Protein backbone atom coordinates (compact mmCIF):
# COMPACT_ATOMS: atom_id res chain seq x y z
CA UNK A 1 97.21 123.66 113.79
CA UNK A 2 97.74 126.71 111.59
CA UNK A 3 99.40 126.09 108.25
CA UNK A 4 103.04 127.04 108.39
CA UNK A 5 103.10 127.88 112.09
CA UNK A 6 106.49 126.87 113.47
CA UNK A 7 106.78 128.55 116.87
CA UNK A 8 109.09 126.67 119.20
CA UNK A 9 106.49 126.68 121.97
CA UNK A 10 103.65 125.51 119.72
CA UNK A 11 101.63 122.60 121.04
CA UNK A 12 101.11 119.96 118.35
CA UNK A 13 97.89 118.01 118.29
CA UNK A 14 99.32 114.68 117.26
CA UNK A 15 96.07 113.37 115.80
CA UNK A 16 96.08 116.06 113.11
CA UNK A 17 98.29 116.49 110.10
CA UNK A 18 97.77 117.98 106.66
CA UNK A 19 97.56 115.50 103.80
CA UNK A 20 98.86 116.11 100.30
CA UNK A 21 95.31 116.67 99.06
CA UNK A 22 94.62 119.19 101.82
CA UNK A 23 97.76 121.17 100.99
CA UNK A 24 96.70 121.25 97.34
CA UNK A 25 93.24 122.47 98.33
CA UNK A 26 94.81 125.20 100.47
CA UNK A 27 96.88 126.41 97.50
CA UNK A 28 100.26 125.39 98.90
CA UNK A 29 101.06 123.65 95.60
CA UNK A 30 99.36 122.11 92.59
CA UNK A 31 99.05 118.42 91.77
CA UNK A 32 102.12 118.36 89.51
CA UNK A 33 104.36 119.80 92.23
CA UNK A 34 102.81 117.47 94.80
CA UNK A 35 103.54 114.41 92.66
CA UNK A 36 107.16 115.48 92.25
CA UNK A 37 107.57 115.99 96.00
CA UNK A 38 106.08 112.57 96.69
CA UNK A 39 108.65 111.11 94.29
CA UNK A 40 111.41 113.07 96.06
CA UNK A 41 110.27 111.89 99.49
CA UNK A 42 110.56 108.29 98.35
CA UNK A 43 113.59 108.41 96.07
CA UNK A 44 115.76 111.53 96.37
CA UNK A 45 119.17 111.11 98.04
CA UNK A 46 118.70 114.36 99.91
CA UNK A 47 115.82 116.73 100.48
CA UNK A 48 116.29 120.24 101.88
CA UNK A 49 113.41 122.51 102.90
CA UNK A 50 114.24 126.20 103.08
CA UNK A 51 112.70 129.62 103.54
CA UNK A 52 112.20 132.17 106.26
CA UNK A 53 110.74 131.37 109.66
CA UNK A 54 107.07 130.36 109.58
CA UNK A 55 107.16 129.86 105.80
CA UNK A 56 105.73 126.33 105.89
CA UNK A 57 108.91 124.23 105.99
CA UNK A 58 107.84 122.11 108.95
CA UNK A 59 104.32 121.70 107.59
CA UNK A 60 105.66 120.36 104.30
CA UNK A 61 108.18 118.05 105.99
CA UNK A 62 105.45 116.66 108.22
CA UNK A 63 103.18 115.91 105.28
CA UNK A 64 105.92 114.28 103.21
CA UNK A 65 106.98 112.06 106.11
CA UNK A 66 103.76 110.15 105.51
CA UNK A 67 104.79 109.58 101.88
CA UNK A 68 108.00 107.70 102.69
CA UNK A 69 108.01 103.93 101.99
CA UNK A 70 106.03 101.92 104.53
CA UNK A 71 109.01 99.71 105.37
CA UNK A 72 111.58 102.51 105.65
CA UNK A 73 113.29 103.15 108.96
CA UNK A 74 114.40 106.59 110.01
CA UNK A 75 115.66 108.88 112.73
CA UNK A 76 114.19 112.35 113.18
CA UNK A 77 116.00 114.72 115.53
CA UNK A 78 114.67 118.15 116.40
CA UNK A 79 114.59 120.86 119.03
CA UNK A 80 110.90 120.41 119.87
CA UNK A 81 108.25 117.88 118.92
CA UNK A 82 107.07 119.52 115.71
CA UNK A 83 107.73 116.64 113.34
CA UNK A 84 105.75 113.46 113.93
CA UNK A 85 104.16 110.61 112.01
CA UNK A 86 100.79 108.93 112.08
CA UNK A 87 101.57 105.90 109.94
CA UNK A 88 105.31 105.11 110.08
CA UNK A 89 106.16 102.88 113.06
CA UNK A 90 109.77 102.46 111.88
CA UNK A 91 110.49 106.17 112.36
CA UNK A 92 112.19 107.15 115.64
CA UNK A 93 111.85 110.70 116.98
CA UNK A 94 114.28 112.41 119.35
CA UNK A 95 114.39 115.97 120.65
CA UNK A 96 117.02 117.90 122.53
CA UNK A 97 117.36 117.74 126.31
CA UNK A 98 119.59 119.40 128.87
CA UNK A 99 122.24 116.74 128.22
CA UNK A 100 121.84 116.22 124.46
CA UNK A 101 121.82 119.02 121.89
CA UNK A 102 121.28 118.58 118.16
CA UNK A 103 124.97 117.96 117.59
CA UNK A 104 125.03 115.11 120.14
CA UNK A 105 121.83 113.57 118.78
CA UNK A 106 123.15 113.77 115.22
CA UNK A 107 126.49 112.22 116.20
CA UNK A 108 124.74 109.35 117.99
CA UNK A 109 122.41 108.93 115.03
CA UNK A 110 125.34 107.93 112.82
CA UNK A 111 125.58 104.70 114.83
CA UNK A 112 122.06 103.57 113.93
CA UNK A 113 121.00 101.45 110.96
CA UNK A 114 118.39 103.60 109.22
CA UNK A 115 117.14 104.58 105.77
CA UNK A 116 116.31 108.23 106.56
CA UNK A 117 118.36 110.69 108.62
CA UNK A 118 116.28 113.81 109.29
CA UNK A 119 117.10 116.99 111.19
CA UNK A 120 114.15 119.27 111.83
CA UNK A 121 116.23 122.42 111.42
CA UNK A 122 119.99 122.72 111.01
CA UNK A 123 121.41 125.59 113.03
CA UNK A 124 125.01 124.68 113.77
CA UNK A 125 127.60 121.93 114.07
CA UNK A 126 125.04 119.14 113.51
CA UNK A 127 125.42 119.99 109.80
CA UNK A 128 128.72 118.06 109.78
CA UNK A 129 127.06 114.88 110.98
CA UNK A 130 124.22 115.42 108.53
CA UNK A 131 126.77 115.34 105.69
CA UNK A 132 128.32 112.18 107.09
CA UNK A 133 124.92 110.50 107.25
CA UNK A 134 124.17 111.39 103.63
CA UNK A 135 127.59 110.11 102.53
CA UNK A 136 126.91 106.71 104.09
CA UNK A 137 123.87 106.08 101.91
CA UNK A 138 121.06 107.41 104.10
CA UNK A 139 118.42 109.64 102.59
CA UNK A 140 119.00 112.96 104.31
CA UNK A 141 116.32 115.55 105.04
CA UNK A 142 116.69 118.85 106.82
CA UNK A 143 115.41 122.39 106.89
CA UNK A 144 117.48 125.56 106.98
CA UNK A 145 116.74 129.28 106.73
CA UNK A 146 117.71 130.89 103.41
CA UNK A 147 116.20 133.27 100.80
CA UNK A 148 116.04 130.85 97.85
CA UNK A 149 116.42 127.23 96.83
CA UNK A 150 119.91 127.84 95.45
CA UNK A 151 121.13 129.58 98.62
CA UNK A 152 120.09 126.84 101.04
CA UNK A 153 123.12 124.61 100.53
CA UNK A 154 125.42 127.62 100.86
CA UNK A 155 123.93 128.14 104.31
CA UNK A 156 124.48 124.49 105.21
CA UNK A 157 128.06 124.82 103.98
CA UNK A 158 128.54 127.80 106.31
CA UNK A 159 127.54 125.63 109.26
CA UNK A 160 129.96 122.91 108.15
CA UNK A 161 132.87 125.37 108.01
CA UNK A 162 132.07 126.54 111.54
CA UNK A 163 132.32 122.96 112.81
CA UNK A 164 135.30 121.66 110.83
CA UNK A 165 138.55 122.39 109.04
CA UNK A 166 136.80 122.53 105.66
CA UNK A 167 136.46 125.74 103.67
CA UNK A 168 133.27 126.84 101.89
CA UNK A 169 134.20 125.22 98.57
CA UNK A 170 135.04 121.88 100.19
CA UNK A 171 131.86 121.94 102.27
CA UNK A 172 129.66 122.62 99.23
CA UNK A 173 131.38 119.82 97.33
CA UNK A 174 130.53 117.39 100.14
CA UNK A 175 126.90 118.56 99.99
CA UNK A 176 126.54 117.82 96.28
CA UNK A 177 124.52 114.66 97.03
CA UNK A 178 121.64 116.73 98.40
CA UNK A 179 119.44 116.24 95.40
CA UNK A 180 116.30 118.38 95.86
CA UNK A 181 115.84 121.78 97.50
CA UNK A 182 112.33 123.11 98.20
CA UNK A 183 111.95 126.84 98.88
CA UNK A 184 108.81 127.80 100.81
CA UNK A 185 107.35 131.31 101.02
CA UNK A 186 104.05 132.49 102.50
CA UNK A 187 103.04 128.84 103.10
CA UNK A 188 103.44 127.99 99.41
CA UNK A 189 106.02 126.10 97.36
CA UNK A 190 107.80 128.98 95.65
CA UNK A 191 110.78 127.25 93.99
CA UNK A 192 112.30 123.81 93.59
CA UNK A 193 115.88 123.21 92.48
CA UNK A 194 117.77 120.02 91.80
CA UNK A 195 121.49 119.82 92.47
CA UNK A 196 123.02 118.85 89.14
CA UNK A 197 126.53 117.93 90.20
CA UNK A 198 129.72 119.92 90.60
CA UNK A 199 131.14 122.52 88.21
CA UNK A 200 134.88 121.88 88.38
CA UNK A 201 135.69 125.03 86.41
CA UNK A 202 133.65 127.39 88.60
CA UNK A 203 134.25 125.27 91.69
CA UNK A 204 130.65 125.46 92.69
CA UNK A 205 127.46 123.44 92.64
CA UNK A 206 125.34 123.28 89.52
CA UNK A 207 121.59 123.78 89.91
CA UNK A 208 118.63 123.03 87.71
CA UNK A 209 115.62 125.12 88.76
CA UNK A 210 112.66 122.93 87.83
CA UNK A 211 109.88 125.01 89.38
CA UNK A 212 109.72 128.76 89.98
CA UNK A 213 106.85 131.02 90.95
CA UNK A 214 107.86 134.53 89.93
CA UNK A 215 104.91 136.01 91.82
CA UNK A 216 106.47 134.73 95.05
CA UNK A 217 110.21 134.68 94.35
CA UNK A 218 110.54 137.97 92.49
CA UNK A 219 108.46 140.10 94.85
């Protein structure tokens, strides 16, 4: 399927998926960035993919799913069947139905014994259960729309405040364990930030931008 295409009604051909090497060949990223993202897929406490619609978030998540440890279990919940795996039998995939929305699937997911808790795209109250999953030791992945790597967690915090009694500051503090944020633009990795803890004086998250493409981010 087309790189970066994320239409809700898209039909996935399950026998096809981009590999890391193919994404490098297509110019999505270079080898150094790819190696870091492989490390993040296997080791990071949290991994957030962000950008506008059709920026390549789902494509990158799909590729990195294949880089998770072979013995890792996981739950992937999503609106439609965009995320899938070819090599990870311990990964379970669920999508919304008339009776179960993302919030319900995320809430039920907290009862399962898994290594990875993944939401295809956070759009609402499921963000609260995503935080809870991350706080219980699961590796949490999600995607969310935002204009930069350092704005993504602010957007997640907004969703948490809508679904709870927490204010923006409290929500961002709870999200401090989300370790790596990948900003996609025009089907390329444009920026990567690492969450570097909490600034108690400024009452905000601290970020370390470790990769930045000015040709993409500053245009």
